[in-house]
Amino acid sequence: MTQITIEKINEKNFTDFLTLITKLAEYEKLMPPNEDAKCRLKADAFSKNPKYEAYIVYSDGVLAGYITFYFTYSTFLAKQTLYLEDIFVLEEYRKRGIGKTLFEFCRSKAAERGCGRMDWTVLTWNEPSIKFYEKFGAERQDWYLYRLNEDKLS
């Protein structure tokens, strides 16, 4: 049986965390963080008031994936919402229960902190992830995601 361990990111494993982010960018066909973004990721993770939380997962002691999340607020519920930013398992470790373990870990963090809900987005082409989330009872919402990139903010 595979031993799955989850460890909060720290100074020692931060480089592994960045490696996994790059692997996710490759999977999603996106540009990985540049050097400035990597510096911000580190500063934001280890500041007095961290902007996000990140955890690395190991399978039998070998780096296998990660999860990041942060908290927003629902005025309708008058409770925090845990926003799952990234959940990623390296291809060679998929279908071993690691993604499920990470997702359950995230759900438990939301429950621990009294959140009213947990939200995330999935790329429309990512059928494996859509099926994965729907197994947990997740429902697709009737909302469109819009974004203004930095160059459009001023």
C-alpha atoms as a PDB file:
ATOM      1  CA  MET A   1       0.000   0.000   0.000  1.00  0.00           C
ATOM      2  CA  THR A   2       1.261   3.465  -0.908  1.00  0.00           C
ATOM      3  CA  GLN A   3       2.158   5.787   1.963  1.00  0.00           C
ATOM      4  CA  ILE A   4       0.834   9.271   1.220  1.00  0.00           C
ATOM      5  CA  THR A   5       2.131  12.175   3.301  1.00  0.00           C
ATOM      6  CA  ILE A   6       1.195  15.841   3.087  1.00  0.00           C
ATOM      7  CA  GLU A   7       3.643  18.525   4.186  1.00  0.00           C
ATOM      8  CA  LYS A   8       3.140  22.285   4.377  1.00  0.00           C
ATOM      9  CA  ILE A   9       5.584  24.162   2.180  1.00  0.00           C
ATOM     10  CA  ASN A  10       8.611  25.567   3.933  1.00  0.00           C
ATOM     11  CA  GLU A  11      12.012  27.000   3.060  1.00  0.00           C
ATOM     12  CA  LYS A  12      13.447  23.508   2.604  1.00  0.00           C
ATOM     13  CA  ASN A  13      10.839  22.179   0.126  1.00  0.00           C
ATOM     14  CA  PHE A  14       9.962  25.432  -1.651  1.00  0.00           C
ATOM     15  CA  THR A  15      12.060  24.570  -4.725  1.00  0.00           C
ATOM     16  CA  ASP A  16      10.085  21.314  -5.079  1.00  0.00           C
ATOM     17  CA  PHE A  17       6.885  23.361  -4.868  1.00  0.00           C
ATOM     18  CA  LEU A  18       8.066  25.585  -7.731  1.00  0.00           C
ATOM     19  CA  THR A  19       8.956  22.505  -9.780  1.00  0.00           C
ATOM     20  CA  LEU A  20       5.413  21.204  -9.361  1.00  0.00           C
ATOM     21  CA  ILE A  21       3.905  24.553 -10.375  1.00  0.00           C
ATOM     22  CA  THR A  22       5.977  24.385 -13.568  1.00  0.00           C
ATOM     23  CA  LYS A  23       4.697  20.853 -14.215  1.00  0.00           C
ATOM     24  CA  LEU A  24       1.094  22.073 -13.800  1.00  0.00           C
ATOM     25  CA  ALA A  25       1.757  24.924 -16.238  1.00  0.00           C
ATOM     26  CA  GLU A  26       3.051  22.387 -18.767  1.00  0.00           C
ATOM     27  CA  TYR A  27      -0.061  20.238 -18.293  1.00  0.00           C
ATOM     28  CA  GLU A  28      -2.377  23.242 -18.751  1.00  0.00           C
ATOM     29  CA  LYS A  29      -0.288  24.587 -21.658  1.00  0.00           C
ATOM     30  CA  LEU A  30       0.375  27.858 -19.809  1.00  0.00           C
ATOM     31  CA  MET A  31       3.481  29.876 -19.058  1.00  0.00           C
ATOM     32  CA  PRO A  32       5.016  28.991 -15.679  1.00  0.00           C
ATOM     33  CA  PRO A  33       5.871  31.720 -13.171  1.00  0.00           C
ATOM     34  CA  ASN A  34       8.834  33.883 -14.169  1.00  0.00           C
ATOM     35  CA  GLU A  35      11.620  34.730 -11.705  1.00  0.00           C
ATOM     36  CA  ASP A  36       9.775  37.774 -10.303  1.00  0.00           C
ATOM     37  CA  ALA A  37       6.623  35.701  -9.778  1.00  0.00           C
ATOM     38  CA  LYS A  38       8.646  32.983  -8.028  1.00  0.00           C
ATOM     39  CA  CYS A  39      10.005  35.601  -5.619  1.00  0.00           C
ATOM     40  CA  ARG A  40       6.474  36.870  -4.948  1.00  0.00           C
ATOM     41  CA  LEU A  41       5.229  33.314  -4.395  1.00  0.00           C
ATOM     42  CA  LYS A  42       7.883  32.824  -1.747  1.00  0.00           C
ATOM     43  CA  ALA A  43       7.305  36.188  -0.063  1.00  0.00           C
ATOM     44  CA  ASP A  44       3.522  35.693  -0.090  1.00  0.00           C
ATOM     45  CA  ALA A  45       3.748  32.185   1.365  1.00  0.00           C
ATOM     46  CA  PHE A  46       6.091  33.056   4.215  1.00  0.00           C
ATOM     47  CA  SER A  47       4.906  36.551   5.155  1.00  0.00           C
ATOM     48  CA  LYS A  48       3.402  37.389   8.540  1.00  0.00           C
ATOM     49  CA  ASN A  49      -0.060  37.137   6.948  1.00  0.00           C
ATOM     50  CA  PRO A  50       0.365  34.586   4.134  1.00  0.00           C
ATOM     51  CA  LYS A  51      -1.764  35.208   1.062  1.00  0.00           C
ATOM     52  CA  TYR A  52      -2.182  31.481   0.397  1.00  0.00           C
ATOM     53  CA  GLU A  53      -1.439  28.082   1.869  1.00  0.00           C
ATOM     54  CA  ALA A  54       0.377  25.350  -0.003  1.00  0.00           C
ATOM     55  CA  TYR A  55       1.069  21.715   0.747  1.00  0.00           C
ATOM     56  CA  ILE A  56       3.201  19.145  -1.038  1.00  0.00           C
ATOM     57  CA  VAL A  57       2.203  15.506  -1.218  1.00  0.00           C
ATOM     58  CA  TYR A  58       4.653  12.631  -1.243  1.00  0.00           C
ATOM     59  CA  SER A  59       4.018   9.059  -2.339  1.00  0.00           C
ATOM     60  CA  ASP A  60       6.323   6.683  -0.479  1.00  0.00           C
ATOM     61  CA  GLY A  61       8.633   9.644   0.178  1.00  0.00           C
ATOM     62  CA  VAL A  62       8.741  10.778  -3.465  1.00  0.00           C
ATOM     63  CA  LEU A  63       7.390  14.159  -4.600  1.00  0.00           C
ATOM     64  CA  ALA A  64       3.998  13.529  -6.249  1.00  0.00           C
ATOM     65  CA  GLY A  65       1.868  16.701  -6.228  1.00  0.00           C
ATOM     66  CA  TYR A  66       0.632  19.776  -4.418  1.00  0.00           C
ATOM     67  CA  ILE A  67      -2.371  21.821  -3.406  1.00  0.00           C
ATOM     68  CA  THR A  68      -2.830  25.564  -2.854  1.00  0.00           C
ATOM     69  CA  PHE A  69      -5.788  27.450  -1.451  1.00  0.00           C
ATOM     70  CA  TYR A  70      -6.789  30.738   0.126  1.00  0.00           C
ATOM     71  CA  PHE A  71      -9.888  32.215   1.717  1.00  0.00           C
ATOM     72  CA  THR A  72     -12.479  34.611   0.376  1.00  0.00           C
ATOM     73  CA  TYR A  73     -15.713  35.716   2.005  1.00  0.00           C
ATOM     74  CA  SER A  74     -19.358  35.109   1.131  1.00  0.00           C
ATOM     75  CA  THR A  75     -21.614  37.977   2.122  1.00  0.00           C
ATOM     76  CA  PHE A  76     -24.697  35.792   1.535  1.00  0.00           C
ATOM     77  CA  LEU A  77     -23.472  33.107   3.932  1.00  0.00           C
ATOM     78  CA  ALA A  78     -21.547  35.495   6.177  1.00  0.00           C
ATOM     79  CA  LYS A  79     -18.785  32.891   6.244  1.00  0.00           C
ATOM     80  CA  GLN A  80     -15.421  32.304   4.648  1.00  0.00           C
ATOM     81  CA  THR A  81     -15.106  30.358   1.415  1.00  0.00           C
ATOM     82  CA  LEU A  82     -12.076  28.178   0.863  1.00  0.00           C
ATOM     83  CA  TYR A  83     -10.948  28.775  -2.702  1.00  0.00           C
ATOM     84  CA  LEU A  84      -8.986  25.848  -4.105  1.00  0.00           C
ATOM     85  CA  GLU A  85      -6.477  27.448  -6.477  1.00  0.00           C
ATOM     86  CA  ASP A  86      -4.426  24.420  -7.534  1.00  0.00           C
ATOM     87  CA  ILE A  87      -4.597  20.701  -7.033  1.00  0.00           C
ATOM     88  CA  PHE A  88      -2.073  18.778  -9.083  1.00  0.00           C
ATOM     89  CA  VAL A  89      -0.674  15.272  -9.123  1.00  0.00           C
ATOM     90  CA  LEU A  90       2.183  14.293 -11.414  1.00  0.00           C
ATOM     91  CA  GLU A  91       0.980  12.023 -14.208  1.00  0.00           C
ATOM     92  CA  GLU A  92       2.943   8.996 -13.032  1.00  0.00           C
ATOM     93  CA  TYR A  93       1.215   9.169  -9.605  1.00  0.00           C
ATOM     94  CA  ARG A  94      -2.376   9.568 -10.804  1.00  0.00           C
ATOM     95  CA  LYS A  95      -5.022   6.922 -10.101  1.00  0.00           C
ATOM     96  CA  ARG A  96      -3.383   6.010  -6.780  1.00  0.00           C
ATOM     97  CA  GLY A  97      -5.693   7.944  -4.463  1.00  0.00           C
ATOM     98  CA  ILE A  98      -3.342  10.908  -4.100  1.00  0.00           C
ATOM     99  CA  GLY A  99      -5.719  13.424  -5.694  1.00  0.00           C
ATOM    100  CA  LYS A 100      -8.543  12.146  -3.494  1.00  0.00           C
ATOM    101  CA  THR A 101      -6.332  12.483  -0.418  1.00  0.00           C
ATOM    102  CA  LEU A 102      -5.446  16.077  -1.353  1.00  0.00           C
ATOM    103  CA  PHE A 103      -9.060  16.968  -2.074  1.00  0.00           C
ATOM    104  CA  GLU A 104     -10.240  15.475   1.233  1.00  0.00           C
ATOM    105  CA  PHE A 105      -7.429  17.345   3.000  1.00  0.00           C
ATOM    106  CA  CYS A 106      -8.709  20.589   1.490  1.00  0.00           C
ATOM    107  CA  ARG A 107     -12.306  19.783   2.464  1.00  0.00           C
ATOM    108  CA  SER A 108     -11.200  19.122   6.025  1.00  0.00           C
ATOM    109  CA  LYS A 109      -9.359  22.480   6.147  1.00  0.00           C
ATOM    110  CA  ALA A 110     -12.559  24.216   5.011  1.00  0.00           C
ATOM    111  CA  ALA A 111     -14.597  22.421   7.672  1.00  0.00           C
ATOM    112  CA  GLU A 112     -11.989  23.109  10.396  1.00  0.00           C
ATOM    113  CA  ARG A 113     -12.154  26.825   9.665  1.00  0.00           C
ATOM    114  CA  GLY A 114     -15.933  26.994   9.584  1.00  0.00           C
ATOM    115  CA  CYS A 115     -16.217  27.775   5.883  1.00  0.00           C
ATOM    116  CA  GLY A 116     -19.638  27.917   4.297  1.00  0.00           C
ATOM    117  CA  ARG A 117     -18.381  26.427   1.041  1.00  0.00           C
ATOM    118  CA  MET A 118     -15.413  25.510  -1.096  1.00  0.00           C
ATOM    119  CA  ASP A 119     -15.015  26.832  -4.646  1.00  0.00           C
ATOM    120  CA  TRP A 120     -12.644  26.185  -7.559  1.00  0.00           C
ATOM    121  CA  THR A 121     -12.523  26.354 -11.331  1.00  0.00           C
ATOM    122  CA  VAL A 122     -11.751  23.682 -13.904  1.00  0.00           C
ATOM    123  CA  LEU A 123     -10.663  24.203 -17.481  1.00  0.00           C
ATOM    124  CA  THR A 124     -13.493  23.193 -19.822  1.00  0.00           C
ATOM    125  CA  TRP A 125     -11.270  20.709 -21.697  1.00  0.00           C
ATOM    126  CA  ASN A 126     -10.093  18.953 -18.533  1.00  0.00           C
ATOM    127  CA  GLU A 127     -12.574  16.064 -18.546  1.00  0.00           C
ATOM    128  CA  PRO A 128     -10.559  13.888 -16.131  1.00  0.00           C
ATOM    129  CA  SER A 129     -10.729  16.631 -13.487  1.00  0.00           C
ATOM    130  CA  ILE A 130     -14.407  17.325 -14.128  1.00  0.00           C
ATOM    131  CA  LYS A 131     -15.220  13.639 -13.619  1.00  0.00           C
ATOM    132  CA  PHE A 132     -12.992  13.541 -10.519  1.00  0.00           C
ATOM    133  CA  TYR A 133     -14.830  16.445  -8.847  1.00  0.00           C
ATOM    134  CA  GLU A 134     -18.277  15.202  -9.794  1.00  0.00           C
ATOM    135  CA  LYS A 135     -17.511  11.905  -7.990  1.00  0.00           C
ATOM    136  CA  PHE A 136     -17.437  13.973  -4.785  1.00  0.00           C
ATOM    137  CA  GLY A 137     -20.840  15.448  -5.529  1.00  0.00           C
ATOM    138  CA  ALA A 138     -19.494  18.760  -6.833  1.00  0.00           C
ATOM    139  CA  GLU A 139     -21.871  20.638  -9.098  1.00  0.00           C
ATOM    140  CA  ARG A 140     -21.007  22.887 -12.014  1.00  0.00           C
ATOM    141  CA  GLN A 141     -22.276  26.405 -11.363  1.00  0.00           C
ATOM    142  CA  ASP A 142     -24.201  28.673 -13.703  1.00  0.00           C
ATOM    143  CA  TRP A 143     -21.551  31.374 -13.560  1.00  0.00           C
ATOM    144  CA  TYR A 144     -19.085  32.554 -16.166  1.00  0.00           C
ATOM    145  CA  LEU A 145     -15.571  33.256 -15.022  1.00  0.00           C
ATOM    146  CA  TYR A 146     -14.293  36.622 -16.190  1.00  0.00           C
ATOM    147  CA  ARG A 147     -10.817  38.047 -15.764  1.00  0.00           C
ATOM    148  CA  LEU A 148      -9.035  41.345 -16.160  1.00  0.00           C
ATOM    149  CA  ASN A 149      -5.307  40.843 -16.557  1.00  0.00           C
ATOM    150  CA  GLU A 150      -2.831  43.227 -14.971  1.00  0.00           C
ATOM    151  CA  ASP A 151      -2.457  45.340 -18.101  1.00  0.00           C
ATOM    152  CA  LYS A 152      -6.203  46.120 -18.004  1.00  0.00           C
ATOM    153  CA  LEU A 153      -6.391  47.074 -14.317  1.00  0.00           C
ATOM    154  CA  SER A 154      -5.525  50.747 -14.769  1.00  0.00           C
END
